[in-house]
All heavy atoms as atom14 arrays in JSON, in Angstrom:
{
  "sequence": "GLCFSCLEDHKVNKASKKHQTIPVGQYVEIESVSSLIKQDCEEHDQRL",
  "atom14_mask": [
    [1, 1, 1, 1, 0, 0, 0, 0, 0, 0, 0, 0, 0, 0],
    [1, 1, 1, 1, 1, 1, 1, 1, 0, 0, 0, 0, 0, 0],
    [1, 1, 1, 1, 1, 1, 0, 0, 0, 0, 0, 0, 0, 0],
    [1, 1, 1, 1, 1, 1, 1, 1, 1, 1, 1, 0, 0, 0],
    [1, 1, 1, 1, 1, 1, 0, 0, 0, 0, 0, 0, 0, 0],
    [1, 1, 1, 1, 1, 1, 0, 0, 0, 0, 0, 0, 0, 0],
    [1, 1, 1, 1, 1, 1, 1, 1, 0, 0, 0, 0, 0, 0],
    [1, 1, 1, 1, 1, 1, 1, 1, 1, 0, 0, 0, 0, 0],
    [1, 1, 1, 1, 1, 1, 1, 1, 0, 0, 0, 0, 0, 0],
    [1, 1, 1, 1, 1, 1, 1, 1, 1, 1, 0, 0, 0, 0],
    [1, 1, 1, 1, 1, 1, 1, 1, 1, 0, 0, 0, 0, 0],
    [1, 1, 1, 1, 1, 1, 1, 0, 0, 0, 0, 0, 0, 0],
    [1, 1, 1, 1, 1, 1, 1, 1, 0, 0, 0, 0, 0, 0],
    [1, 1, 1, 1, 1, 1, 1, 1, 1, 0, 0, 0, 0, 0],
    [1, 1, 1, 1, 1, 0, 0, 0, 0, 0, 0, 0, 0, 0],
    [1, 1, 1, 1, 1, 1, 0, 0, 0, 0, 0, 0, 0, 0],
    [1, 1, 1, 1, 1, 1, 1, 1, 1, 0, 0, 0, 0, 0],
    [1, 1, 1, 1, 1, 1, 1, 1, 1, 0, 0, 0, 0, 0],
    [1, 1, 1, 1, 1, 1, 1, 1, 1, 1, 0, 0, 0, 0],
    [1, 1, 1, 1, 1, 1, 1, 1, 1, 0, 0, 0, 0, 0],
    [1, 1, 1, 1, 1, 1, 1, 0, 0, 0, 0, 0, 0, 0],
    [1, 1, 1, 1, 1, 1, 1, 1, 0, 0, 0, 0, 0, 0],
    [1, 1, 1, 1, 1, 1, 1, 0, 0, 0, 0, 0, 0, 0],
    [1, 1, 1, 1, 1, 1, 1, 0, 0, 0, 0, 0, 0, 0],
    [1, 1, 1, 1, 0, 0, 0, 0, 0, 0, 0, 0, 0, 0],
    [1, 1, 1, 1, 1, 1, 1, 1, 1, 0, 0, 0, 0, 0],
    [1, 1, 1, 1, 1, 1, 1, 1, 1, 1, 1, 1, 0, 0],
    [1, 1, 1, 1, 1, 1, 1, 0, 0, 0, 0, 0, 0, 0],
    [1, 1, 1, 1, 1, 1, 1, 1, 1, 0, 0, 0, 0, 0],
    [1, 1, 1, 1, 1, 1, 1, 1, 0, 0, 0, 0, 0, 0],
    [1, 1, 1, 1, 1, 1, 1, 1, 1, 0, 0, 0, 0, 0],
    [1, 1, 1, 1, 1, 1, 0, 0, 0, 0, 0, 0, 0, 0],
    [1, 1, 1, 1, 1, 1, 1, 0, 0, 0, 0, 0, 0, 0],
    [1, 1, 1, 1, 1, 1, 0, 0, 0, 0, 0, 0, 0, 0],
    [1, 1, 1, 1, 1, 1, 0, 0, 0, 0, 0, 0, 0, 0],
    [1, 1, 1, 1, 1, 1, 1, 1, 0, 0, 0, 0, 0, 0],
    [1, 1, 1, 1, 1, 1, 1, 1, 0, 0, 0, 0, 0, 0],
    [1, 1, 1, 1, 1, 1, 1, 1, 1, 0, 0, 0, 0, 0],
    [1, 1, 1, 1, 1, 1, 1, 1, 1, 0, 0, 0, 0, 0],
    [1, 1, 1, 1, 1, 1, 1, 1, 0, 0, 0, 0, 0, 0],
    [1, 1, 1, 1, 1, 1, 0, 0, 0, 0, 0, 0, 0, 0],
    [1, 1, 1, 1, 1, 1, 1, 1, 1, 0, 0, 0, 0, 0],
    [1, 1, 1, 1, 1, 1, 1, 1, 1, 0, 0, 0, 0, 0],
    [1, 1, 1, 1, 1, 1, 1, 1, 1, 1, 0, 0, 0, 0],
    [1, 1, 1, 1, 1, 1, 1, 1, 0, 0, 0, 0, 0, 0],
    [1, 1, 1, 1, 1, 1, 1, 1, 1, 0, 0, 0, 0, 0],
    [1, 1, 1, 1, 1, 1, 1, 1, 1, 1, 1, 0, 0, 0],
    [1, 1, 1, 1, 1, 1, 1, 1, 0, 0, 0, 0, 0, 0]
  ],
  "atom14_positions": [
    [[103.62, 45.08, -26.91], [103.33, 43.65, -26.76], [101.86, 43.4, -27.18], [101.0, 44.27, -27.15], [0.0, 0.0, 0.0], [0.0, 0.0, 0.0], [0.0, 0.0, 0.0], [0.0, 0.0, 0.0], [0.0, 0.0, 0.0], [0.0, 0.0, 0.0], [0.0, 0.0, 0.0], [0.0, 0.0, 0.0], [0.0, 0.0, 0.0], [0.0, 0.0, 0.0]],
    [[101.64, 42.13, -27.58], [100.3, 41.74, -28.06], [99.96, 40.35, -27.5], [100.77, 39.43, -27.57], [100.27, 41.68, -29.61], [100.52, 43.0, -30.33], [100.86, 42.71, -31.8], [99.42, 43.95, -30.2], [0.0, 0.0, 0.0], [0.0, 0.0, 0.0], [0.0, 0.0, 0.0], [0.0, 0.0, 0.0], [0.0, 0.0, 0.0], [0.0, 0.0, 0.0]],
    [[98.77, 40.18, -26.96], [98.28, 38.88, -26.55], [97.74, 38.17, -27.78], [97.77, 38.7, -28.89], [97.17, 39.06, -25.49], [95.66, 39.78, -26.12], [0.0, 0.0, 0.0], [0.0, 0.0, 0.0], [0.0, 0.0, 0.0], [0.0, 0.0, 0.0], [0.0, 0.0, 0.0], [0.0, 0.0, 0.0], [0.0, 0.0, 0.0], [0.0, 0.0, 0.0]],
    [[97.32, 36.88, -27.63], [96.79, 36.1, -28.78], [95.69, 36.87, -29.52], [95.69, 36.98, -30.68], [96.31, 34.71, -28.3], [97.37, 33.78, -28.01], [97.55, 33.29, -26.74], [98.19, 33.29, -29.01], [98.56, 32.36, -26.45], [99.24, 32.38, -28.75], [99.36, 31.93, -27.47], [0.0, 0.0, 0.0], [0.0, 0.0, 0.0], [0.0, 0.0, 0.0]],
    [[94.74, 37.35, -28.76], [93.56, 37.99, -29.32], [93.96, 39.29, -30.1], [93.58, 39.47, -31.25], [92.57, 38.31, -28.26], [91.49, 39.02, -28.79], [0.0, 0.0, 0.0], [0.0, 0.0, 0.0], [0.0, 0.0, 0.0], [0.0, 0.0, 0.0], [0.0, 0.0, 0.0], [0.0, 0.0, 0.0], [0.0, 0.0, 0.0], [0.0, 0.0, 0.0]],
    [[94.74, 40.1, -29.44], [95.12, 41.39, -30.08], [96.09, 41.14, -31.25], [96.03, 41.92, -32.23], [95.79, 42.27, -29.06], [94.65, 42.91, -27.82], [0.0, 0.0, 0.0], [0.0, 0.0, 0.0], [0.0, 0.0, 0.0], [0.0, 0.0, 0.0], [0.0, 0.0, 0.0], [0.0, 0.0, 0.0], [0.0, 0.0, 0.0], [0.0, 0.0, 0.0]],
    [[96.9, 40.08, -31.21], [97.76, 39.74, -32.35], [96.94, 39.42, -33.59], [97.27, 39.85, -34.64], [98.68, 38.59, -31.96], [99.58, 38.04, -33.06], [100.53, 39.14, -33.5], [100.38, 36.82, -32.58], [0.0, 0.0, 0.0], [0.0, 0.0, 0.0], [0.0, 0.0, 0.0], [0.0, 0.0, 0.0], [0.0, 0.0, 0.0], [0.0, 0.0, 0.0]],
    [[95.89, 38.64, -33.37], [94.99, 38.31, -34.52], [94.38, 39.56, -35.08], [94.33, 39.73, -36.32], [93.95, 37.3, -34.1], [94.45, 35.95, -33.73], [95.23, 35.29, -34.88], [94.78, 35.33, -36.04], [96.34, 34.8, -34.61], [0.0, 0.0, 0.0], [0.0, 0.0, 0.0], [0.0, 0.0, 0.0], [0.0, 0.0, 0.0], [0.0, 0.0, 0.0]],
    [[93.88, 40.44, -34.23], [93.35, 41.75, -34.72], [94.4, 42.59, -35.42], [94.13, 43.19, -36.46], [92.77, 42.54, -33.52], [91.57, 41.9, -32.88], [90.94, 41.03, -33.55], [91.24, 42.24, -31.72], [0.0, 0.0, 0.0], [0.0, 0.0, 0.0], [0.0, 0.0, 0.0], [0.0, 0.0, 0.0], [0.0, 0.0, 0.0], [0.0, 0.0, 0.0]],
    [[95.59, 42.55, -34.88], [96.74, 43.33, -35.43], [97.08, 42.85, -36.84], [97.43, 43.65, -37.72], [97.95, 43.15, -34.51], [98.94, 44.26, -34.62], [98.76, 45.52, -34.14], [100.2, 44.23, -35.11], [99.82, 46.26, -34.36], [100.72, 45.49, -34.93], [0.0, 0.0, 0.0], [0.0, 0.0, 0.0], [0.0, 0.0, 0.0], [0.0, 0.0, 0.0]],
    [[97.0, 41.53, -37.06], [97.29, 40.97, -38.35], [96.31, 41.3, -39.46], [96.64, 41.31, -40.63], [97.47, 39.43, -38.23], [98.68, 38.97, -37.56], [98.71, 37.43, -37.49], [99.95, 36.95, -36.8], [99.96, 35.48, -36.64], [0.0, 0.0, 0.0], [0.0, 0.0, 0.0], [0.0, 0.0, 0.0], [0.0, 0.0, 0.0], [0.0, 0.0, 0.0]],
    [[95.04, 41.52, -39.07], [94.03, 41.81, -40.08], [93.68, 43.31, -40.21], [93.03, 43.69, -41.16], [92.73, 41.0, -39.83], [93.0, 39.53, -39.95], [92.15, 41.31, -38.48], [0.0, 0.0, 0.0], [0.0, 0.0, 0.0], [0.0, 0.0, 0.0], [0.0, 0.0, 0.0], [0.0, 0.0, 0.0], [0.0, 0.0, 0.0], [0.0, 0.0, 0.0]],
    [[94.16, 44.07, -39.28], [93.9, 45.55, -39.34], [94.67, 46.15, -40.49], [95.87, 45.89, -40.69], [94.35, 46.16, -38.0], [93.99, 47.6, -37.91], [94.13, 48.4, -38.86], [93.5, 48.03, -36.77], [0.0, 0.0, 0.0], [0.0, 0.0, 0.0], [0.0, 0.0, 0.0], [0.0, 0.0, 0.0], [0.0, 0.0, 0.0], [0.0, 0.0, 0.0]],
    [[93.98, 46.94, -41.32], [94.6, 47.53, -42.54], [95.83, 48.35, -42.19], [96.87, 48.31, -42.91], [93.59, 48.45, -43.2], [93.83, 48.68, -44.64], [92.67, 49.45, -45.25], [92.57, 49.14, -46.72], [91.42, 49.76, -47.35], [0.0, 0.0, 0.0], [0.0, 0.0, 0.0], [0.0, 0.0, 0.0], [0.0, 0.0, 0.0], [0.0, 0.0, 0.0]],
    [[95.83, 49.04, -41.05], [96.95, 49.9, -40.69], [98.15, 49.08, -40.14], [99.28, 49.6, -40.2], [96.51, 50.92, -39.62], [0.0, 0.0, 0.0], [0.0, 0.0, 0.0], [0.0, 0.0, 0.0], [0.0, 0.0, 0.0], [0.0, 0.0, 0.0], [0.0, 0.0, 0.0], [0.0, 0.0, 0.0], [0.0, 0.0, 0.0], [0.0, 0.0, 0.0]],
    [[97.93, 47.92, -39.62], [99.01, 47.2, -38.96], [99.31, 45.83, -39.55], [100.18, 45.16, -39.04], [98.69, 47.05, -37.47], [97.5, 46.35, -37.28], [0.0, 0.0, 0.0], [0.0, 0.0, 0.0], [0.0, 0.0, 0.0], [0.0, 0.0, 0.0], [0.0, 0.0, 0.0], [0.0, 0.0, 0.0], [0.0, 0.0, 0.0], [0.0, 0.0, 0.0]],
    [[98.63, 45.43, -40.63], [98.84, 44.05, -41.07], [100.21, 43.81, -41.65], [100.67, 42.66, -41.74], [97.76, 43.62, -42.06], [97.73, 44.32, -43.37], [96.54, 43.79, -44.18], [96.38, 44.59, -45.43], [95.19, 44.13, -46.2], [0.0, 0.0, 0.0], [0.0, 0.0, 0.0], [0.0, 0.0, 0.0], [0.0, 0.0, 0.0], [0.0, 0.0, 0.0]],
    [[100.94, 44.84, -42.07], [102.3, 44.63, -42.62], [103.38, 44.86, -41.56], [104.57, 44.83, -41.87], [102.51, 45.59, -43.78], [101.64, 45.28, -45.0], [101.95, 46.12, -46.16], [101.08, 45.74, -47.33], [101.34, 46.52, -48.52], [0.0, 0.0, 0.0], [0.0, 0.0, 0.0], [0.0, 0.0, 0.0], [0.0, 0.0, 0.0], [0.0, 0.0, 0.0]],
    [[102.97, 45.07, -40.3], [103.91, 45.26, -39.24], [104.71, 43.95, -38.97], [104.11, 42.85, -39.12], [103.24, 45.72, -37.95], [102.82, 47.15, -38.01], [102.29, 47.77, -36.88], [102.76, 48.05, -38.96], [102.03, 49.04, -37.19], [102.29, 49.22, -38.5], [0.0, 0.0, 0.0], [0.0, 0.0, 0.0], [0.0, 0.0, 0.0], [0.0, 0.0, 0.0]],
    [[105.93, 44.1, -38.52], [106.74, 42.92, -38.23], [106.55, 42.56, -36.75], [106.74, 43.39, -35.86], [108.22, 43.19, -38.5], [109.09, 42.03, -38.18], [110.58, 42.36, -38.27], [110.92, 43.53, -38.55], [111.4, 41.4, -38.09], [0.0, 0.0, 0.0], [0.0, 0.0, 0.0], [0.0, 0.0, 0.0], [0.0, 0.0, 0.0], [0.0, 0.0, 0.0]],
    [[106.11, 41.32, -36.5], [105.92, 40.85, -35.14], [106.88, 39.67, -34.9], [107.19, 38.88, -35.76], [104.49, 40.39, -34.86], [104.14, 39.34, -35.8], [103.51, 41.54, -34.99], [0.0, 0.0, 0.0], [0.0, 0.0, 0.0], [0.0, 0.0, 0.0], [0.0, 0.0, 0.0], [0.0, 0.0, 0.0], [0.0, 0.0, 0.0], [0.0, 0.0, 0.0]],
    [[107.38, 39.58, -33.64], [108.25, 38.46, -33.22], [107.76, 37.94, -31.91], [107.03, 38.66, -31.19], [109.74, 38.96, -33.11], [109.84, 40.05, -32.04], [110.3, 39.4, -34.43], [111.29, 40.49, -31.72], [0.0, 0.0, 0.0], [0.0, 0.0, 0.0], [0.0, 0.0, 0.0], [0.0, 0.0, 0.0], [0.0, 0.0, 0.0], [0.0, 0.0, 0.0]],
    [[108.13, 36.71, -31.56], [107.74, 36.15, -30.27], [108.25, 37.05, -29.13], [109.38, 37.58, -29.24], [108.36, 34.77, -30.24], [108.63, 34.42, -31.64], [108.85, 35.74, -32.35], [0.0, 0.0, 0.0], [0.0, 0.0, 0.0], [0.0, 0.0, 0.0], [0.0, 0.0, 0.0], [0.0, 0.0, 0.0], [0.0, 0.0, 0.0], [0.0, 0.0, 0.0]],
    [[107.52, 37.23, -28.07], [107.89, 38.15, -27.02], [109.22, 37.7, -26.34], [109.99, 38.51, -25.93], [106.75, 38.34, -25.99], [106.59, 37.12, -25.08], [106.97, 39.6, -25.16], [0.0, 0.0, 0.0], [0.0, 0.0, 0.0], [0.0, 0.0, 0.0], [0.0, 0.0, 0.0], [0.0, 0.0, 0.0], [0.0, 0.0, 0.0], [0.0, 0.0, 0.0]],
    [[109.45, 36.38, -26.29], [110.7, 35.88, -25.72], [111.88, 36.3, -26.52], [112.93, 36.64, -25.94], [0.0, 0.0, 0.0], [0.0, 0.0, 0.0], [0.0, 0.0, 0.0], [0.0, 0.0, 0.0], [0.0, 0.0, 0.0], [0.0, 0.0, 0.0], [0.0, 0.0, 0.0], [0.0, 0.0, 0.0], [0.0, 0.0, 0.0], [0.0, 0.0, 0.0]],
    [[111.74, 36.35, -27.81], [112.81, 36.79, -28.7], [113.06, 38.3, -28.49], [114.2, 38.75, -28.48], [112.47, 36.51, -30.14], [113.55, 36.73, -31.14], [113.15, 36.38, -32.55], [112.11, 35.8, -32.8], [113.97, 36.69, -33.49], [0.0, 0.0, 0.0], [0.0, 0.0, 0.0], [0.0, 0.0, 0.0], [0.0, 0.0, 0.0], [0.0, 0.0, 0.0]],
    [[111.98, 39.07, -28.32], [112.11, 40.51, -28.03], [112.84, 40.77, -26.74], [113.72, 41.65, -26.69], [110.77, 41.18, -28.06], [110.87, 42.64, -27.61], [111.43, 43.58, -28.46], [110.53, 43.02, -26.35], [111.57, 44.88, -28.09], [110.67, 44.35, -25.95], [111.19, 45.29, -26.85], [111.36, 46.59, -26.44], [0.0, 0.0, 0.0], [0.0, 0.0, 0.0]],
    [[112.55, 40.0, -25.73], [113.15, 40.19, -24.42], [114.67, 40.05, -24.51], [115.43, 40.77, -23.87], [112.55, 39.21, -23.4], [113.34, 39.21, -22.09], [111.11, 39.59, -23.09], [0.0, 0.0, 0.0], [0.0, 0.0, 0.0], [0.0, 0.0, 0.0], [0.0, 0.0, 0.0], [0.0, 0.0, 0.0], [0.0, 0.0, 0.0], [0.0, 0.0, 0.0]],
    [[115.13, 39.11, -25.4], [116.55, 38.87, -25.55], [117.26, 40.07, -26.18], [118.39, 40.38, -25.88], [116.81, 37.64, -26.44], [116.41, 36.31, -25.74], [116.55, 35.16, -26.71], [117.2, 35.29, -27.77], [116.04, 34.11, -26.39], [0.0, 0.0, 0.0], [0.0, 0.0, 0.0], [0.0, 0.0, 0.0], [0.0, 0.0, 0.0], [0.0, 0.0, 0.0]],
    [[116.54, 40.8, -27.07], [117.21, 41.94, -27.79], [116.74, 43.28, -27.24], [117.13, 44.33, -27.77], [116.92, 41.86, -29.28], [115.4, 41.98, -29.6], [117.5, 40.62, -29.9], [115.08, 42.21, -31.08], [0.0, 0.0, 0.0], [0.0, 0.0, 0.0], [0.0, 0.0, 0.0], [0.0, 0.0, 0.0], [0.0, 0.0, 0.0], [0.0, 0.0, 0.0]],
    [[115.91, 43.3, -26.22], [115.31, 44.53, -25.71], [116.36, 45.57, -25.3], [116.2, 46.77, -25.67], [114.43, 44.22, -24.54], [113.71, 45.41, -23.93], [112.8, 45.04, -22.81], [112.91, 43.91, -22.23], [111.93, 45.83, -22.46], [0.0, 0.0, 0.0], [0.0, 0.0, 0.0], [0.0, 0.0, 0.0], [0.0, 0.0, 0.0], [0.0, 0.0, 0.0]],
    [[117.44, 45.17, -24.7], [118.43, 46.18, -24.22], [119.07, 46.85, -25.4], [119.36, 48.07, -25.37], [119.47, 45.54, -23.34], [120.17, 44.49, -24.11], [0.0, 0.0, 0.0], [0.0, 0.0, 0.0], [0.0, 0.0, 0.0], [0.0, 0.0, 0.0], [0.0, 0.0, 0.0], [0.0, 0.0, 0.0], [0.0, 0.0, 0.0], [0.0, 0.0, 0.0]],
    [[119.24, 46.16, -26.51], [119.85, 46.75, -27.69], [118.81, 47.61, -28.43], [119.13, 48.7, -28.87], [120.39, 45.64, -28.68], [120.89, 46.28, -29.98], [121.51, 44.89, -27.96], [0.0, 0.0, 0.0], [0.0, 0.0, 0.0], [0.0, 0.0, 0.0], [0.0, 0.0, 0.0], [0.0, 0.0, 0.0], [0.0, 0.0, 0.0], [0.0, 0.0, 0.0]],
    [[117.62, 47.08, -28.57], [116.6, 47.84, -29.31], [116.21, 49.12, -28.64], [115.76, 50.06, -29.31], [115.39, 46.93, -29.62], [114.7, 46.71, -28.45], [0.0, 0.0, 0.0], [0.0, 0.0, 0.0], [0.0, 0.0, 0.0], [0.0, 0.0, 0.0], [0.0, 0.0, 0.0], [0.0, 0.0, 0.0], [0.0, 0.0, 0.0], [0.0, 0.0, 0.0]],
    [[116.33, 49.2, -27.35], [115.99, 50.44, -26.66], [116.94, 51.53, -26.91], [116.62, 52.7, -26.73], [115.89, 50.17, -25.11], [117.18, 49.87, -24.62], [0.0, 0.0, 0.0], [0.0, 0.0, 0.0], [0.0, 0.0, 0.0], [0.0, 0.0, 0.0], [0.0, 0.0, 0.0], [0.0, 0.0, 0.0], [0.0, 0.0, 0.0], [0.0, 0.0, 0.0]],
    [[118.14, 51.2, -27.44], [119.13, 52.21, -27.74], [118.92, 52.83, -29.11], [119.45, 53.88, -29.46], [120.55, 51.58, -27.73], [121.0, 51.0, -26.4], [122.33, 50.29, -26.62], [121.13, 52.09, -25.36], [0.0, 0.0, 0.0], [0.0, 0.0, 0.0], [0.0, 0.0, 0.0], [0.0, 0.0, 0.0], [0.0, 0.0, 0.0], [0.0, 0.0, 0.0]],
    [[118.08, 52.18, -29.93], [117.85, 52.63, -31.31], [116.57, 53.52, -31.35], [115.52, 53.13, -30.99], [117.63, 51.42, -32.27], [118.87, 50.53, -32.21], [117.35, 51.9, -33.65], [118.73, 49.18, -32.87], [0.0, 0.0, 0.0], [0.0, 0.0, 0.0], [0.0, 0.0, 0.0], [0.0, 0.0, 0.0], [0.0, 0.0, 0.0], [0.0, 0.0, 0.0]],
    [[116.84, 54.78, -31.82], [115.68, 55.68, -31.95], [114.83, 55.26, -33.15], [115.37, 54.95, -34.19], [116.17, 57.13, -32.19], [116.82, 57.82, -31.08], [117.02, 59.31, -31.35], [117.66, 59.54, -32.71], [117.89, 60.91, -33.06], [0.0, 0.0, 0.0], [0.0, 0.0, 0.0], [0.0, 0.0, 0.0], [0.0, 0.0, 0.0], [0.0, 0.0, 0.0]],
    [[113.52, 55.24, -32.96], [112.64, 54.9, -34.01], [111.74, 56.05, -34.45], [111.14, 56.02, -35.49], [111.78, 53.68, -33.64], [112.63, 52.45, -33.49], [111.85, 51.19, -33.29], [110.6, 51.24, -33.32], [112.5, 50.12, -33.07], [0.0, 0.0, 0.0], [0.0, 0.0, 0.0], [0.0, 0.0, 0.0], [0.0, 0.0, 0.0], [0.0, 0.0, 0.0]],
    [[111.64, 57.08, -33.61], [110.79, 58.21, -33.89], [111.64, 59.47, -33.93], [112.6, 59.65, -33.19], [109.71, 58.36, -32.82], [108.71, 57.21, -32.82], [108.37, 56.74, -33.95], [108.28, 56.8, -31.76], [0.0, 0.0, 0.0], [0.0, 0.0, 0.0], [0.0, 0.0, 0.0], [0.0, 0.0, 0.0], [0.0, 0.0, 0.0], [0.0, 0.0, 0.0]],
    [[111.22, 60.37, -34.84], [111.9, 61.64, -34.96], [111.64, 62.53, -33.71], [110.47, 62.68, -33.32], [111.4, 62.35, -36.23], [112.07, 64.03, -36.5], [0.0, 0.0, 0.0], [0.0, 0.0, 0.0], [0.0, 0.0, 0.0], [0.0, 0.0, 0.0], [0.0, 0.0, 0.0], [0.0, 0.0, 0.0], [0.0, 0.0, 0.0], [0.0, 0.0, 0.0]],
    [[112.69, 63.02, -33.16], [112.55, 63.82, -31.93], [111.86, 65.15, -32.23], [111.17, 65.69, -31.39], [113.91, 64.05, -31.28], [114.51, 62.8, -30.69], [115.88, 63.01, -30.14], [116.42, 64.17, -30.21], [116.47, 62.05, -29.58], [0.0, 0.0, 0.0], [0.0, 0.0, 0.0], [0.0, 0.0, 0.0], [0.0, 0.0, 0.0], [0.0, 0.0, 0.0]],
    [[112.04, 65.67, -33.41], [111.5, 66.96, -33.77], [110.05, 66.89, -34.18], [109.27, 67.77, -33.85], [112.37, 67.57, -34.93], [112.03, 69.02, -35.23], [112.99, 69.59, -36.29], [114.14, 69.08, -36.34], [112.59, 70.48, -37.0], [0.0, 0.0, 0.0], [0.0, 0.0, 0.0], [0.0, 0.0, 0.0], [0.0, 0.0, 0.0], [0.0, 0.0, 0.0]],
    [[109.7, 65.86, -34.97], [108.32, 65.8, -35.52], [107.46, 64.68, -34.92], [106.31, 64.54, -35.29], [108.41, 65.53, -37.05], [109.13, 66.64, -37.71], [110.35, 66.46, -38.3], [108.79, 67.93, -37.97], [110.79, 67.62, -38.87], [109.83, 68.54, -38.64], [0.0, 0.0, 0.0], [0.0, 0.0, 0.0], [0.0, 0.0, 0.0], [0.0, 0.0, 0.0]],
    [[108.04, 63.87, -34.04], [107.3, 62.76, -33.42], [106.67, 61.81, -34.41], [105.54, 61.38, -34.29], [106.26, 63.29, -32.4], [105.86, 62.26, -31.38], [106.72, 61.38, -31.08], [104.71, 62.28, -30.93], [0.0, 0.0, 0.0], [0.0, 0.0, 0.0], [0.0, 0.0, 0.0], [0.0, 0.0, 0.0], [0.0, 0.0, 0.0], [0.0, 0.0, 0.0]],
    [[107.41, 61.56, -35.5], [106.98, 60.66, -36.56], [108.0, 59.54, -36.71], [109.16, 59.7, -36.29], [106.79, 61.33, -37.87], [105.6, 62.23, -37.98], [105.24, 62.52, -39.43], [105.99, 62.23, -40.35], [104.08, 63.12, -39.64], [0.0, 0.0, 0.0], [0.0, 0.0, 0.0], [0.0, 0.0, 0.0], [0.0, 0.0, 0.0], [0.0, 0.0, 0.0]],
    [[107.59, 58.5, -37.31], [108.49, 57.31, -37.5], [109.65, 57.7, -38.46], [109.45, 58.34, -39.48], [107.73, 56.18, -38.08], [108.5, 54.88, -38.15], [107.6, 53.79, -37.67], [108.33, 52.55, -37.52], [108.71, 52.05, -36.37], [108.47, 52.69, -35.28], [109.36, 50.93, -36.33], [0.0, 0.0, 0.0], [0.0, 0.0, 0.0], [0.0, 0.0, 0.0]],
    [[110.89, 57.31, -38.06], [112.01, 57.51, -38.95], [111.98, 56.51, -40.04], [112.01, 55.28, -39.81], [113.31, 57.37, -38.08], [113.52, 58.42, -37.02], [114.66, 57.98, -36.11], [113.82, 59.78, -37.63], [0.0, 0.0, 0.0], [0.0, 0.0, 0.0], [0.0, 0.0, 0.0], [0.0, 0.0, 0.0], [0.0, 0.0, 0.0], [0.0, 0.0, 0.0]]
  ]
}
């Protein structure tokens, strides 16, 4: 999650400016489904 201030920093940070952000209310609606999807490799602890 990101507050207003951190969201602005997140948008201009070189490492995170291309990240996809959505309103937190929208995330809450899909949270139960998204928690079922693995995003990191269990063996290497890196992003799939």
